[in-house]
N, C-alpha and C. Protein backbone atom coordinates (compact mmCIF):
# COMPACT_ATOMS: atom_id res chain seq x y z
N UNK A 1 0.84 -1.20 0.00
CA UNK A 1 0.00 0.00 0.00
C UNK A 1 0.87 1.25 0.00
N UNK A 2 0.30 2.33 -0.49
CA UNK A 2 1.03 3.59 -0.52
C UNK A 2 1.38 4.08 0.87
N UNK A 3 0.43 3.88 1.81
CA UNK A 3 0.65 4.33 3.18
C UNK A 3 1.82 3.57 3.81
N UNK A 4 1.84 2.26 3.62
CA UNK A 4 2.92 1.43 4.17
C UNK A 4 4.26 1.83 3.56
N UNK A 5 4.26 2.09 2.27
CA UNK A 5 5.46 2.52 1.56
C UNK A 5 5.96 3.85 2.12
N UNK A 6 5.01 4.77 2.35
CA UNK A 6 5.34 6.09 2.89
C UNK A 6 5.93 5.96 4.30
N UNK A 7 5.30 5.13 5.14
CA UNK A 7 5.77 4.92 6.52
C UNK A 7 7.19 4.35 6.51
N UNK A 8 7.45 3.46 5.59
CA UNK A 8 8.78 2.86 5.47
C UNK A 8 9.81 3.92 5.09
N UNK A 9 9.42 4.82 4.17
CA UNK A 9 10.33 5.89 3.76
C UNK A 9 10.60 6.86 4.91
N UNK A 10 9.55 7.17 5.68
CA UNK A 10 9.71 8.06 6.84
C UNK A 10 10.67 7.42 7.85
N UNK A 11 10.48 6.13 8.09
CA UNK A 11 11.33 5.40 9.03
C UNK A 11 12.79 5.41 8.56
N UNK A 12 12.99 5.18 7.27
CA UNK A 12 14.34 5.20 6.70
C UNK A 12 14.95 6.60 6.83
N UNK A 13 14.16 7.62 6.55
CA UNK A 13 14.65 9.00 6.64
C UNK A 13 15.02 9.35 8.07
N UNK A 14 14.20 8.88 9.04
CA UNK A 14 14.51 9.15 10.46
C UNK A 14 15.82 8.48 10.86
N UNK A 15 16.01 7.24 10.43
CA UNK A 15 17.24 6.51 10.76
C UNK A 15 18.45 7.23 10.17
N UNK A 16 18.30 7.71 8.94
CA UNK A 16 19.39 8.43 8.28
C UNK A 16 19.68 9.74 9.01
N UNK A 17 18.63 10.46 9.40
CA UNK A 17 18.81 11.73 10.13
C UNK A 17 19.50 11.47 11.47
N UNK A 18 19.13 10.39 12.12
CA UNK A 18 19.74 10.03 13.40
C UNK A 18 21.22 9.72 13.22
N UNK A 19 21.53 8.96 12.15
CA UNK A 19 22.92 8.61 11.88
C UNK A 19 23.75 9.86 11.60
N UNK A 20 23.18 10.79 10.81
CA UNK A 20 23.89 12.04 10.51
C UNK A 20 24.10 12.84 11.79
N UNK A 21 23.08 12.85 12.65
CA UNK A 21 23.20 13.54 13.95
C UNK A 21 24.31 12.94 14.78
N UNK A 22 24.39 11.60 14.80
CA UNK A 22 25.46 10.92 15.55
C UNK A 22 26.82 11.29 14.98
N UNK A 23 26.92 11.31 13.65
CA UNK A 23 28.18 11.67 13.00
C UNK A 23 28.60 13.09 13.38
N UNK A 24 27.63 14.02 13.40
CA UNK A 24 27.92 15.41 13.74
C UNK A 24 28.38 15.52 15.19
N UNK A 25 27.72 14.77 16.09
CA UNK A 25 28.11 14.78 17.50
C UNK A 25 29.53 14.28 17.65
N UNK A 26 29.84 13.19 16.94
CA UNK A 26 31.19 12.62 16.99
C UNK A 26 32.22 13.62 16.46
N UNK A 27 31.86 14.30 15.37
CA UNK A 27 32.75 15.30 14.77
C UNK A 27 33.00 16.45 15.74
N UNK A 28 31.93 16.92 16.40
CA UNK A 28 32.06 18.01 17.37
C UNK A 28 32.95 17.58 18.52
N UNK A 29 32.74 16.37 19.05
CA UNK A 29 33.57 15.87 20.14
C UNK A 29 35.02 15.76 19.70
N UNK A 30 35.23 15.28 18.48
CA UNK A 30 36.61 15.11 18.02
C UNK A 30 37.26 16.48 17.82
N UNK A 31 36.49 17.48 17.39
CA UNK A 31 37.04 18.84 17.26
C UNK A 31 37.38 19.42 18.63
N UNK A 32 36.51 19.15 19.62
CA UNK A 32 36.78 19.62 20.98
C UNK A 32 38.03 18.95 21.53
N UNK A 33 38.15 17.65 21.27
CA UNK A 33 39.32 16.90 21.73
C UNK A 33 40.59 17.44 21.07
N UNK A 34 40.51 17.73 19.77
CA UNK A 34 41.67 18.29 19.06
C UNK A 34 42.04 19.65 19.63
N UNK A 35 41.03 20.46 19.94
CA UNK A 35 41.29 21.79 20.51
C UNK A 35 41.98 21.66 21.86
N UNK A 36 41.53 20.70 22.68
CA UNK A 36 42.15 20.49 23.99
C UNK A 36 43.59 19.99 23.82
N UNK A 37 43.79 19.06 22.90
CA UNK A 37 45.14 18.53 22.67
C UNK A 37 46.06 19.61 22.12
N UNK A 38 45.50 20.52 21.31
CA UNK A 38 46.28 21.64 20.79
C UNK A 38 46.80 22.49 21.96
N UNK A 39 45.92 22.78 22.94
CA UNK A 39 46.33 23.56 24.11
C UNK A 39 47.41 22.83 24.90
N UNK A 40 47.25 21.52 25.06
CA UNK A 40 48.24 20.70 25.77
C UNK A 40 49.59 20.78 25.06
N UNK A 41 49.58 20.60 23.74
CA UNK A 41 50.82 20.62 22.97
C UNK A 41 51.49 21.99 23.05
N UNK A 42 50.71 23.06 22.95
CA UNK A 42 51.27 24.41 23.03
C UNK A 42 51.97 24.60 24.38
N UNK A 43 51.33 24.16 25.45
CA UNK A 43 51.93 24.28 26.79
C UNK A 43 53.23 23.48 26.87
N UNK A 44 53.25 22.31 26.26
CA UNK A 44 54.46 21.48 26.30
C UNK A 44 55.62 22.16 25.57
N UNK A 45 55.34 22.77 24.42
CA UNK A 45 56.41 23.49 23.69
C UNK A 45 56.89 24.68 24.51
N UNK A 46 55.95 25.44 25.08
CA UNK A 46 56.32 26.63 25.87
C UNK A 46 57.12 26.24 27.11
N UNK A 47 56.77 25.10 27.71
CA UNK A 47 57.42 24.68 28.97
C UNK A 47 58.74 23.96 28.74
N UNK A 48 59.15 23.81 27.49
CA UNK A 48 60.48 23.25 27.23
C UNK A 48 60.53 21.77 26.97
N UNK A 49 59.68 21.27 26.09
CA UNK A 49 59.75 19.85 25.72
C UNK A 49 61.11 19.53 25.10
N UNK A 50 61.48 18.27 25.15
CA UNK A 50 62.76 17.82 24.61
C UNK A 50 62.59 17.45 23.13
N UNK A 51 63.21 18.19 22.21
CA UNK A 51 63.08 17.87 20.79
C UNK A 51 63.76 16.54 20.43
N UNK A 52 63.10 15.79 19.57
CA UNK A 52 63.63 14.50 19.13
C UNK A 52 64.13 14.65 17.69
N UNK A 53 65.36 14.18 17.45
CA UNK A 53 65.97 14.27 16.11
C UNK A 53 66.43 12.88 15.69
N UNK A 54 66.98 12.78 14.49
CA UNK A 54 67.52 11.50 14.03
C UNK A 54 68.79 11.18 14.82
N UNK A 55 69.17 9.92 14.83
CA UNK A 55 70.34 9.48 15.61
C UNK A 55 71.60 10.23 15.20
N UNK A 56 71.72 10.58 13.92
CA UNK A 56 72.92 11.31 13.46
C UNK A 56 72.79 12.83 13.68
N UNK A 57 71.66 13.24 14.28
CA UNK A 57 71.40 14.64 14.63
C UNK A 57 71.30 15.56 13.42
N UNK A 58 71.17 15.01 12.23
CA UNK A 58 71.16 15.83 11.02
C UNK A 58 69.76 16.21 10.56
N UNK A 59 68.76 15.50 11.04
CA UNK A 59 67.42 15.84 10.56
C UNK A 59 66.38 15.59 11.64
N UNK A 60 65.24 16.24 11.46
CA UNK A 60 64.13 16.06 12.38
C UNK A 60 63.39 14.78 12.03
N UNK A 61 62.83 14.15 13.03
CA UNK A 61 62.01 12.95 12.82
C UNK A 61 60.67 13.16 13.52
N UNK A 62 59.70 12.34 13.18
CA UNK A 62 58.39 12.43 13.82
C UNK A 62 58.36 11.53 15.05
N UNK A 63 57.77 12.05 16.11
CA UNK A 63 57.53 11.22 17.30
C UNK A 63 56.60 10.10 16.90
N UNK A 64 56.79 8.94 17.49
CA UNK A 64 55.90 7.82 17.21
C UNK A 64 55.38 7.24 18.51
N UNK A 65 54.08 6.99 18.53
CA UNK A 65 53.42 6.42 19.70
C UNK A 65 54.06 5.09 20.07
N UNK A 66 54.18 4.85 21.36
CA UNK A 66 54.69 3.57 21.90
C UNK A 66 56.12 3.26 21.46
N UNK A 67 56.94 4.30 21.28
CA UNK A 67 58.34 4.13 20.93
C UNK A 67 59.20 4.81 21.99
N UNK A 68 60.31 4.18 22.40
CA UNK A 68 61.18 4.86 23.37
C UNK A 68 61.96 5.99 22.69
N UNK A 69 62.48 6.91 23.48
CA UNK A 69 63.37 7.96 22.98
C UNK A 69 64.70 7.77 23.69
N UNK A 70 65.79 7.74 22.92
CA UNK A 70 67.12 7.47 23.47
C UNK A 70 67.98 8.73 23.52
N UNK A 71 68.83 8.80 24.54
CA UNK A 71 69.81 9.87 24.66
C UNK A 71 71.01 9.50 23.79
N UNK A 72 71.39 10.38 22.87
CA UNK A 72 72.47 10.02 21.93
C UNK A 72 73.82 9.88 22.63
N UNK A 73 74.00 10.55 23.77
CA UNK A 73 75.29 10.47 24.48
C UNK A 73 75.46 9.13 25.18
N UNK A 74 74.38 8.63 25.80
CA UNK A 74 74.48 7.39 26.59
C UNK A 74 73.85 6.19 25.91
N UNK A 75 73.06 6.45 24.88
CA UNK A 75 72.29 5.41 24.19
C UNK A 75 71.26 4.75 25.10
N UNK A 76 70.93 5.43 26.19
CA UNK A 76 69.93 4.92 27.14
C UNK A 76 68.60 5.63 26.92
N UNK A 77 67.50 4.95 27.25
CA UNK A 77 66.19 5.61 27.15
C UNK A 77 66.13 6.80 28.11
N UNK A 78 65.48 7.88 27.69
CA UNK A 78 65.35 9.03 28.58
C UNK A 78 64.33 8.69 29.67
N UNK A 79 64.38 9.40 30.80
CA UNK A 79 63.56 9.02 31.96
C UNK A 79 62.06 9.13 31.72
N UNK A 80 61.35 8.26 32.42
CA UNK A 80 59.88 8.31 32.44
C UNK A 80 59.47 9.68 32.97
N UNK A 81 58.44 10.25 32.37
CA UNK A 81 57.97 11.57 32.77
C UNK A 81 58.51 12.69 31.89
N UNK A 82 59.55 12.40 31.10
CA UNK A 82 60.10 13.42 30.19
C UNK A 82 59.05 13.79 29.15
N UNK A 83 58.99 15.08 28.83
CA UNK A 83 58.07 15.55 27.79
C UNK A 83 58.87 15.77 26.52
N UNK A 84 58.49 15.08 25.46
CA UNK A 84 59.22 15.11 24.19
C UNK A 84 58.38 15.76 23.10
N UNK A 85 59.05 16.26 22.06
CA UNK A 85 58.33 16.90 20.96
C UNK A 85 59.15 16.77 19.69
N UNK A 86 58.50 17.01 18.56
CA UNK A 86 59.22 16.97 17.29
C UNK A 86 59.01 18.27 16.52
N UNK A 87 59.60 18.36 15.36
CA UNK A 87 59.56 19.59 14.56
C UNK A 87 58.24 19.75 13.81
N UNK A 88 57.34 18.78 13.98
CA UNK A 88 56.09 18.79 13.22
C UNK A 88 54.87 19.14 14.06
N UNK A 89 55.09 19.42 15.36
CA UNK A 89 53.97 19.80 16.23
C UNK A 89 53.47 18.68 17.12
N UNK A 90 54.10 17.51 17.07
CA UNK A 90 53.69 16.38 17.91
C UNK A 90 54.43 16.41 19.24
N UNK A 91 53.71 16.13 20.32
CA UNK A 91 54.33 16.05 21.64
C UNK A 91 53.87 14.76 22.31
N UNK A 92 54.62 14.34 23.32
CA UNK A 92 54.24 13.15 24.07
C UNK A 92 54.94 13.14 25.42
N UNK A 93 54.53 12.20 26.26
CA UNK A 93 55.16 12.01 27.56
C UNK A 93 55.71 10.60 27.60
N UNK A 94 56.95 10.47 28.08
CA UNK A 94 57.54 9.14 28.22
C UNK A 94 56.87 8.47 29.42
N UNK A 95 56.21 7.35 29.16
CA UNK A 95 55.38 6.68 30.16
C UNK A 95 55.79 5.23 30.29
N UNK A 96 55.83 4.74 31.53
CA UNK A 96 56.13 3.32 31.76
C UNK A 96 54.85 2.67 32.25
N UNK A 97 54.17 1.97 31.36
CA UNK A 97 52.87 1.41 31.75
C UNK A 97 52.94 -0.07 32.08
N UNK A 98 54.13 -0.68 31.99
CA UNK A 98 54.17 -2.12 32.26
C UNK A 98 54.89 -2.46 33.56
N UNK A 99 55.34 -1.45 34.30
CA UNK A 99 56.00 -1.64 35.60
C UNK A 99 57.19 -2.59 35.54
N UNK A 100 57.76 -2.77 34.36
CA UNK A 100 58.93 -3.63 34.22
C UNK A 100 60.16 -2.73 34.10
N UNK A 101 61.04 -2.74 35.12
CA UNK A 101 62.20 -1.84 35.08
C UNK A 101 63.17 -2.15 33.94
N UNK A 102 63.04 -3.32 33.33
CA UNK A 102 63.95 -3.70 32.24
C UNK A 102 63.49 -3.19 30.88
N UNK A 103 62.27 -2.69 30.79
CA UNK A 103 61.80 -2.15 29.51
C UNK A 103 61.75 -0.63 29.61
N UNK A 104 62.07 0.06 28.52
CA UNK A 104 62.10 1.53 28.58
C UNK A 104 60.70 2.13 28.60
N UNK A 105 60.61 3.36 29.09
CA UNK A 105 59.36 4.10 28.96
C UNK A 105 59.12 4.40 27.49
N UNK A 106 57.85 4.52 27.12
CA UNK A 106 57.48 4.73 25.73
C UNK A 106 56.75 6.06 25.55
N UNK A 107 56.78 6.58 24.35
CA UNK A 107 56.09 7.83 24.03
C UNK A 107 54.59 7.58 24.01
N UNK A 108 53.86 8.25 24.91
CA UNK A 108 52.41 8.12 24.96
C UNK A 108 51.79 9.48 25.25
N UNK A 109 50.47 9.50 25.45
CA UNK A 109 49.73 10.74 25.76
C UNK A 109 50.08 11.84 24.75
N UNK A 110 50.02 11.49 23.47
CA UNK A 110 50.43 12.43 22.43
C UNK A 110 49.40 13.53 22.21
N UNK A 111 49.90 14.71 21.86
CA UNK A 111 49.04 15.85 21.53
C UNK A 111 49.74 16.65 20.43
N UNK A 112 48.94 17.24 19.54
CA UNK A 112 49.46 17.94 18.37
C UNK A 112 49.04 19.40 18.37
N UNK A 113 49.95 20.27 17.90
CA UNK A 113 49.57 21.65 17.60
C UNK A 113 50.07 22.01 16.20
N UNK A 114 49.31 22.83 15.52
CA UNK A 114 49.71 23.31 14.20
C UNK A 114 50.39 24.67 14.28
N UNK A 115 50.74 25.11 15.51
CA UNK A 115 51.38 26.42 15.70
C UNK A 115 52.84 26.34 15.28
N UNK A 116 53.08 26.52 13.98
CA UNK A 116 54.41 26.33 13.39
C UNK A 116 55.45 27.27 13.99
N UNK A 117 55.07 28.53 14.25
CA UNK A 117 56.07 29.47 14.77
C UNK A 117 56.53 29.07 16.16
N UNK A 118 55.62 28.56 16.99
CA UNK A 118 55.99 28.10 18.34
C UNK A 118 56.90 26.87 18.24
N UNK A 119 56.55 25.95 17.36
CA UNK A 119 57.35 24.73 17.17
C UNK A 119 58.76 25.11 16.70
N UNK A 120 58.84 25.98 15.70
CA UNK A 120 60.14 26.41 15.18
C UNK A 120 60.96 27.12 16.25
N UNK A 121 60.27 27.96 17.06
CA UNK A 121 60.95 28.68 18.14
C UNK A 121 61.61 27.68 19.09
N UNK A 122 60.87 26.63 19.49
CA UNK A 122 61.40 25.64 20.42
C UNK A 122 62.57 24.87 19.80
N UNK A 123 62.43 24.50 18.54
CA UNK A 123 63.49 23.74 17.87
C UNK A 123 64.77 24.58 17.76
N UNK A 124 64.61 25.86 17.45
CA UNK A 124 65.78 26.74 17.29
C UNK A 124 66.42 27.07 18.63
N UNK A 125 65.61 27.12 19.68
CA UNK A 125 66.09 27.50 21.00
C UNK A 125 66.91 26.38 21.64
N UNK A 126 66.57 25.16 21.32
CA UNK A 126 67.16 24.02 22.01
C UNK A 126 68.58 23.75 21.54
N UNK A 127 69.52 23.76 22.48
CA UNK A 127 70.93 23.52 22.12
C UNK A 127 71.52 22.37 22.93
N UNK A 128 70.67 21.57 23.54
CA UNK A 128 71.16 20.51 24.42
C UNK A 128 71.58 19.26 23.68
N UNK A 129 71.66 18.17 24.42
CA UNK A 129 72.03 16.88 23.85
C UNK A 129 70.97 16.44 22.85
N UNK A 130 71.31 15.50 22.01
CA UNK A 130 70.36 15.01 21.02
C UNK A 130 69.64 13.78 21.56
N UNK A 131 68.36 13.75 21.35
CA UNK A 131 67.54 12.61 21.74
C UNK A 131 66.89 12.07 20.49
N UNK A 132 66.86 10.76 20.37
CA UNK A 132 66.34 10.18 19.13
C UNK A 132 65.58 8.90 19.41
N UNK A 133 64.84 8.45 18.42
CA UNK A 133 64.13 7.19 18.52
C UNK A 133 64.95 6.12 17.81
N UNK A 134 65.00 4.91 18.39
CA UNK A 134 65.78 3.86 17.74
C UNK A 134 65.19 3.54 16.37
N UNK A 135 66.06 3.32 15.39
CA UNK A 135 65.55 3.00 14.06
C UNK A 135 65.19 1.53 14.01
N UNK A 136 64.24 1.21 13.16
CA UNK A 136 63.77 -0.18 13.09
C UNK A 136 64.72 -1.04 12.28
């Protein structure tokens, strides 16, 4: 019947509208989360995060989740709690989540900022030892 057909179309349209609403809510939450992470990353750069470079210290590398960061002078993992960053706006905290003293802390709790001038300022300001991620 036409009425049944119409009811089915209304039901389909409602389901689609609900799905779009859910997608928009998810998008809004993800934008809010990104905005919060942006603030976190900005604070980390301002507060003096440790820049991570390649082992030969010649180029910048990207921080990677769940990867240790090594001190180029000692070849040892840097301490848990250290705040690290890269030249691309990524930051993280060295975290030890397995309570095993024989395994290094890993880069976690990552946050990104697109504030290029702040990132460049931190990279140019830093004149300390080189810290790098082990190559695979």
